[in-house]
Amino acid sequence: MKVYRLLTGKDDATFCRRVTEALLAGWELHGSPTMPATADGVHVGQAIVKHTTEEYDPKKPLNQY
């Protein structure tokens, strides 16, 4: 099965660390990042996916796959 997540946040080092940590945990980038500019600054989003043999549990946090 493939698990999907969308990471979002401000365009800063914290967001980049979250993506890096997900990649180190076996997640893969899925598609291009988004970077909309708003009145609050630039926000980013990056879709990630992970292949797993585990059964999907809607109560389990996605970052625990």
PDB file of N, CA and C in Angstrom:
ATOM      1  N   MET A   1       0.837  -1.166   0.000  1.00  0.00           N
ATOM      2  CA  MET A   1       0.000   0.000   0.000  1.00  0.00           C
ATOM      3  C   MET A   1       0.887   1.237   0.000  1.00  0.00           C
ATOM      4  N   LYS A   2       0.343   2.342  -0.456  1.00  0.00           N
ATOM      5  CA  LYS A   2       1.066   3.610  -0.494  1.00  0.00           C
ATOM      6  C   LYS A   2       0.353   4.597   0.413  1.00  0.00           C
ATOM      7  N   VAL A   3       1.099   5.223   1.314  1.00  0.00           N
ATOM      8  CA  VAL A   3       0.565   6.230   2.228  1.00  0.00           C
ATOM      9  C   VAL A   3       0.965   7.608   1.697  1.00  0.00           C
ATOM     10  N   TYR A   4       0.044   8.558   1.764  1.00  0.00           N
ATOM     11  CA  TYR A   4       0.249   9.903   1.236  1.00  0.00           C
ATOM     12  C   TYR A   4       0.168  10.917   2.362  1.00  0.00           C
ATOM     13  N   ARG A   5       1.070  11.895   2.322  1.00  0.00           N
ATOM     14  CA  ARG A   5       1.032  13.023   3.261  1.00  0.00           C
ATOM     15  C   ARG A   5       1.329  14.298   2.491  1.00  0.00           C
ATOM     16  N   LEU A   6       0.827  15.408   2.999  1.00  0.00           N
ATOM     17  CA  LEU A   6       1.172  16.715   2.452  1.00  0.00           C
ATOM     18  C   LEU A   6       1.755  17.536   3.588  1.00  0.00           C
ATOM     19  N   LEU A   7       3.027  17.831   3.483  1.00  0.00           N
ATOM     20  CA  LEU A   7       3.689  18.672   4.475  1.00  0.00           C
ATOM     21  C   LEU A   7       3.507  20.122   4.056  1.00  0.00           C
ATOM     22  N   THR A   8       3.142  20.982   5.000  1.00  0.00           N
ATOM     23  CA  THR A   8       2.969  22.400   4.712  1.00  0.00           C
ATOM     24  C   THR A   8       3.595  23.229   5.824  1.00  0.00           C
ATOM     25  N   GLY A   9       3.924  24.459   5.509  1.00  0.00           N
ATOM     26  CA  GLY A   9       4.472  25.349   6.522  1.00  0.00           C
ATOM     27  C   GLY A   9       5.068  26.591   5.911  1.00  0.00           C
ATOM     28  N   LYS A  10       5.655  27.411   6.772  1.00  0.00           N
ATOM     29  CA  LYS A  10       6.366  28.603   6.312  1.00  0.00           C
ATOM     30  C   LYS A  10       7.637  28.169   5.606  1.00  0.00           C
ATOM     31  N   ASP A  11       8.062  28.962   4.644  1.00  0.00           N
ATOM     32  CA  ASP A  11       9.297  28.674   3.910  1.00  0.00           C
ATOM     33  C   ASP A  11      10.482  29.038   4.796  1.00  0.00           C
ATOM     34  N   ASP A  12      10.891  28.067   5.624  1.00  0.00           N
ATOM     35  CA  ASP A  12      12.018  28.308   6.523  1.00  0.00           C
ATOM     36  C   ASP A  12      12.779  26.998   6.769  1.00  0.00           C
ATOM     37  N   ALA A  13      13.814  27.074   7.566  1.00  0.00           N
ATOM     38  CA  ALA A  13      14.650  25.903   7.843  1.00  0.00           C
ATOM     39  C   ALA A  13      13.869  24.799   8.552  1.00  0.00           C
ATOM     40  N   THR A  14      12.894  25.160   9.361  1.00  0.00           N
ATOM     41  CA  THR A  14      12.097  24.153  10.062  1.00  0.00           C
ATOM     42  C   THR A  14      11.334  23.279   9.069  1.00  0.00           C
ATOM     43  N   PHE A  15      10.742  23.898   8.064  1.00  0.00           N
ATOM     44  CA  PHE A  15      10.035  23.123   7.042  1.00  0.00           C
ATOM     45  C   PHE A  15      11.008  22.208   6.303  1.00  0.00           C
ATOM     46  N   CYS A  16      12.149  22.733   5.922  1.00  0.00           N
ATOM     47  CA  CYS A  16      13.145  21.918   5.214  1.00  0.00           C
ATOM     48  C   CYS A  16      13.601  20.735   6.068  1.00  0.00           C
ATOM     49  N   ARG A  17      13.753  20.938   7.363  1.00  0.00           N
ATOM     50  CA  ARG A  17      14.124  19.832   8.258  1.00  0.00           C
ATOM     51  C   ARG A  17      13.022  18.773   8.303  1.00  0.00           C
ATOM     52  N   ARG A  18      11.758  19.191   8.328  1.00  0.00           N
ATOM     53  CA  ARG A  18      10.646  18.237   8.338  1.00  0.00           C
ATOM     54  C   ARG A  18      10.671  17.365   7.082  1.00  0.00           C
ATOM     55  N   VAL A  19      10.912  17.983   5.931  1.00  0.00           N
ATOM     56  CA  VAL A  19      10.992  17.214   4.684  1.00  0.00           C
ATOM     57  C   VAL A  19      12.199  16.279   4.733  1.00  0.00           C
ATOM     58  N   THR A  20      13.329  16.770   5.179  1.00  0.00           N
ATOM     59  CA  THR A  20      14.541  15.944   5.276  1.00  0.00           C
ATOM     60  C   THR A  20      14.322  14.759   6.204  1.00  0.00           C
ATOM     61  N   GLU A  21      13.702  14.984   7.348  1.00  0.00           N
ATOM     62  CA  GLU A  21      13.446  13.895   8.294  1.00  0.00           C
ATOM     63  C   GLU A  21      12.495  12.857   7.698  1.00  0.00           C
ATOM     64  N   ALA A  22      11.505  13.312   6.950  1.00  0.00           N
ATOM     65  CA  ALA A  22      10.596  12.373   6.294  1.00  0.00           C
ATOM     66  C   ALA A  22      11.347  11.533   5.258  1.00  0.00           C
ATOM     67  N   LEU A  23      12.225  12.160   4.490  1.00  0.00           N
ATOM     68  CA  LEU A  23      13.012  11.416   3.499  1.00  0.00           C
ATOM     69  C   LEU A  23      13.906  10.382   4.185  1.00  0.00           C
ATOM     70  N   LEU A  24      14.504  10.754   5.296  1.00  0.00           N
ATOM     71  CA  LEU A  24      15.357   9.819   6.035  1.00  0.00           C
ATOM     72  C   LEU A  24      14.551   8.661   6.617  1.00  0.00           C
ATOM     73  N   ALA A  25      13.249   8.872   6.849  1.00  0.00           N
ATOM     74  CA  ALA A  25      12.371   7.838   7.394  1.00  0.00           C
ATOM     75  C   ALA A  25      11.754   6.971   6.296  1.00  0.00           C
ATOM     76  N   GLY A  26      12.182   7.162   5.057  1.00  0.00           N
ATOM     77  CA  GLY A  26      11.713   6.308   3.972  1.00  0.00           C
ATOM     78  C   GLY A  26      10.623   6.885   3.094  1.00  0.00           C
ATOM     79  N   TRP A  27      10.193   8.118   3.365  1.00  0.00           N
ATOM     80  CA  TRP A  27       9.191   8.760   2.520  1.00  0.00           C
ATOM     81  C   TRP A  27       9.873   9.255   1.249  1.00  0.00           C
ATOM     82  N   GLU A  28       9.113   9.390   0.158  1.00  0.00           N
ATOM     83  CA  GLU A  28       9.638   9.874  -1.118  1.00  0.00           C
ATOM     84  C   GLU A  28       8.862  11.102  -1.554  1.00  0.00           C
ATOM     85  N   LEU A  29       9.542  12.030  -2.224  1.00  0.00           N
ATOM     86  CA  LEU A  29       8.864  13.211  -2.754  1.00  0.00           C
ATOM     87  C   LEU A  29       7.854  12.770  -3.801  1.00  0.00           C
ATOM     88  N   HIS A  30       6.726  13.447  -3.856  1.00  0.00           N
ATOM     89  CA  HIS A  30       5.686  13.134  -4.834  1.00  0.00           C
ATOM     90  C   HIS A  30       5.248  14.439  -5.479  1.00  0.00           C
ATOM     91  N   GLY A  31       5.664  14.660  -6.687  1.00  0.00           N
ATOM     92  CA  GLY A  31       5.313  15.893  -7.384  1.00  0.00           C
ATOM     93  C   GLY A  31       6.191  17.063  -6.966  1.00  0.00           C
ATOM     94  N   SER A  32       5.866  18.195  -7.509  1.00  0.00           N
ATOM     95  CA  SER A  32       6.625  19.415  -7.254  1.00  0.00           C
ATOM     96  C   SER A  32       6.103  20.131  -6.012  1.00  0.00           C
ATOM     97  N   PRO A  33       6.975  20.882  -5.336  1.00  0.00           N
ATOM     98  CA  PRO A  33       6.507  21.667  -4.189  1.00  0.00           C
ATOM     99  C   PRO A  33       5.659  22.840  -4.662  1.00  0.00           C
ATOM    100  N   THR A  34       4.853  23.366  -3.754  1.00  0.00           N
ATOM    101  CA  THR A  34       4.088  24.582  -4.025  1.00  0.00           C
ATOM    102  C   THR A  34       4.644  25.689  -3.143  1.00  0.00           C
ATOM    103  N   MET A  35       4.579  26.929  -3.622  1.00  0.00           N
ATOM    104  CA  MET A  35       5.111  28.059  -2.857  1.00  0.00           C
ATOM    105  C   MET A  35       4.233  29.295  -3.058  1.00  0.00           C
ATOM    106  N   PRO A  36       3.012  29.296  -2.545  1.00  0.00           N
ATOM    107  CA  PRO A  36       2.188  30.499  -2.693  1.00  0.00           C
ATOM    108  C   PRO A  36       2.653  31.617  -1.761  1.00  0.00           C
ATOM    109  N   ALA A  37       2.642  32.824  -2.292  1.00  0.00           N
ATOM    110  CA  ALA A  37       2.959  34.006  -1.483  1.00  0.00           C
ATOM    111  C   ALA A  37       1.647  34.587  -0.970  1.00  0.00           C
ATOM    112  N   THR A  38       1.584  34.825   0.341  1.00  0.00           N
ATOM    113  CA  THR A  38       0.393  35.404   0.950  1.00  0.00           C
ATOM    114  C   THR A  38       0.794  36.649   1.725  1.00  0.00           C
ATOM    115  N   ALA A  39      -0.159  37.285   2.328  1.00  0.00           N
ATOM    116  CA  ALA A  39       0.131  38.462   3.145  1.00  0.00           C
ATOM    117  C   ALA A  39       1.015  38.092   4.339  1.00  0.00           C
ATOM    118  N   ASP A  40       0.970  36.818   4.750  1.00  0.00           N
ATOM    119  CA  ASP A  40       1.780  36.341   5.878  1.00  0.00           C
ATOM    120  C   ASP A  40       3.174  35.885   5.460  1.00  0.00           C
ATOM    121  N   GLY A  41       3.495  35.977   4.182  1.00  0.00           N
ATOM    122  CA  GLY A  41       4.794  35.521   3.693  1.00  0.00           C
ATOM    123  C   GLY A  41       4.624  34.333   2.763  1.00  0.00           C
ATOM    124  N   VAL A  42       5.720  33.695   2.454  1.00  0.00           N
ATOM    125  CA  VAL A  42       5.707  32.556   1.541  1.00  0.00           C
ATOM    126  C   VAL A  42       5.470  31.277   2.338  1.00  0.00           C
ATOM    127  N   HIS A  43       4.533  30.484   1.872  1.00  0.00           N
ATOM    128  CA  HIS A  43       4.252  29.186   2.478  1.00  0.00           C
ATOM    129  C   HIS A  43       4.612  28.109   1.466  1.00  0.00           C
ATOM    130  N   VAL A  44       4.981  26.945   1.948  1.00  0.00           N
ATOM    131  CA  VAL A  44       5.372  25.865   1.057  1.00  0.00           C
ATOM    132  C   VAL A  44       4.596  24.605   1.387  1.00  0.00           C
ATOM    133  N   GLY A  45       4.484  23.755   0.398  1.00  0.00           N
ATOM    134  CA  GLY A  45       3.853  22.456   0.575  1.00  0.00           C
ATOM    135  C   GLY A  45       4.593  21.440  -0.265  1.00  0.00           C
ATOM    136  N   GLN A  46       4.738  20.241   0.278  1.00  0.00           N
ATOM    137  CA  GLN A  46       5.388  19.171  -0.464  1.00  0.00           C
ATOM    138  C   GLN A  46       4.661  17.870  -0.178  1.00  0.00           C
ATOM    139  N   ALA A  47       4.177  17.241  -1.230  1.00  0.00           N
ATOM    140  CA  ALA A  47       3.546  15.933  -1.091  1.00  0.00           C
ATOM    141  C   ALA A  47       4.642  14.876  -0.970  1.00  0.00           C
ATOM    142  N   ILE A  48       4.389  13.887  -0.102  1.00  0.00           N
ATOM    143  CA  ILE A  48       5.311  12.771   0.060  1.00  0.00           C
ATOM    144  C   ILE A  48       4.496  11.476   0.137  1.00  0.00           C
ATOM    145  N   VAL A  49       5.113  10.379  -0.283  1.00  0.00           N
ATOM    146  CA  VAL A  49       4.462   9.072  -0.229  1.00  0.00           C
ATOM    147  C   VAL A  49       5.438   8.057   0.350  1.00  0.00           C
ATOM    148  N   LYS A  50       4.865   6.986   0.888  1.00  0.00           N
ATOM    149  CA  LYS A  50       5.689   5.909   1.429  1.00  0.00           C
ATOM    150  C   LYS A  50       4.994   4.580   1.131  1.00  0.00           C
ATOM    151  N   HIS A  51       5.745   3.654   0.601  1.00  0.00           N
ATOM    152  CA  HIS A  51       5.232   2.312   0.363  1.00  0.00           C
ATOM    153  C   HIS A  51       5.394   1.511   1.650  1.00  0.00           C
ATOM    154  N   THR A  52       4.359   0.780   2.032  1.00  0.00           N
ATOM    155  CA  THR A  52       4.407   0.001   3.260  1.00  0.00           C
ATOM    156  C   THR A  52       3.615  -1.288   3.079  1.00  0.00           C
ATOM    157  N   THR A  53       3.970  -2.295   3.833  1.00  0.00           N
ATOM    158  CA  THR A  53       3.223  -3.550   3.825  1.00  0.00           C
ATOM    159  C   THR A  53       2.190  -3.565   4.948  1.00  0.00           C
ATOM    160  N   GLU A  54       2.182  -2.541   5.776  1.00  0.00           N
ATOM    161  CA  GLU A  54       1.226  -2.454   6.884  1.00  0.00           C
ATOM    162  C   GLU A  54      -0.186  -2.205   6.363  1.00  0.00           C
ATOM    163  N   GLU A  55      -1.162  -2.669   7.122  1.00  0.00           N
ATOM    164  CA  GLU A  55      -2.559  -2.358   6.830  1.00  0.00           C
ATOM    165  C   GLU A  55      -2.829  -0.904   7.216  1.00  0.00           C
ATOM    166  N   TYR A  56      -3.655  -0.235   6.444  1.00  0.00           N
ATOM    167  CA  TYR A  56      -4.003   1.149   6.749  1.00  0.00           C
ATOM    168  C   TYR A  56      -4.911   1.200   7.969  1.00  0.00           C
ATOM    169  N   ASP A  57      -4.567   2.067   8.899  1.00  0.00           N
ATOM    170  CA  ASP A  57      -5.363   2.291  10.098  1.00  0.00           C
ATOM    171  C   ASP A  57      -5.661   3.790  10.165  1.00  0.00           C
ATOM    172  N   PRO A  58      -6.905   4.203   9.939  1.00  0.00           N
ATOM    173  CA  PRO A  58      -7.212   5.634   9.928  1.00  0.00           C
ATOM    174  C   PRO A  58      -6.964   6.331  11.258  1.00  0.00           C
ATOM    175  N   LYS A  59      -6.806   5.573  12.331  1.00  0.00           N
ATOM    176  CA  LYS A  59      -6.525   6.171  13.637  1.00  0.00           C
ATOM    177  C   LYS A  59      -5.029   6.380  13.873  1.00  0.00           C
ATOM    178  N   LYS A  60      -4.202   5.751  13.048  1.00  0.00           N
ATOM    179  CA  LYS A  60      -2.751   5.845  13.213  1.00  0.00           C
ATOM    180  C   LYS A  60      -2.246   7.117  12.536  1.00  0.00           C
ATOM    181  N   PRO A  61      -1.447   7.934  13.229  1.00  0.00           N
ATOM    182  CA  PRO A  61      -0.872   9.125  12.583  1.00  0.00           C
ATOM    183  C   PRO A  61      -0.017   8.703  11.376  1.00  0.00           C
ATOM    184  N   LEU A  62      -0.156   9.425  10.276  1.00  0.00           N
ATOM    185  CA  LEU A  62       0.548   9.053   9.058  1.00  0.00           C
ATOM    186  C   LEU A  62       2.060   9.055   9.223  1.00  0.00           C
ATOM    187  N   ASN A  63       2.587   9.934  10.085  1.00  0.00           N
ATOM    188  CA  ASN A  63       4.039   9.977  10.264  1.00  0.00           C
ATOM    189  C   ASN A  63       4.581   8.754  11.001  1.00  0.00           C
ATOM    190  N   GLN A  64       3.699   7.860  11.460  1.00  0.00           N
ATOM    191  CA  GLN A  64       4.153   6.659  12.150  1.00  0.00           C
ATOM    192  C   GLN A  64       4.225   5.434  11.230  1.00  0.00           C
ATOM    193  N   TYR A  65       3.986   5.644   9.942  1.00  0.00           N
ATOM    194  CA  TYR A  65       4.143   4.538   8.999  1.00  0.00           C
ATOM    195  C   TYR A  65       5.587   4.397   8.597  1.00  0.00           C
TER     196      TYR A  65
END
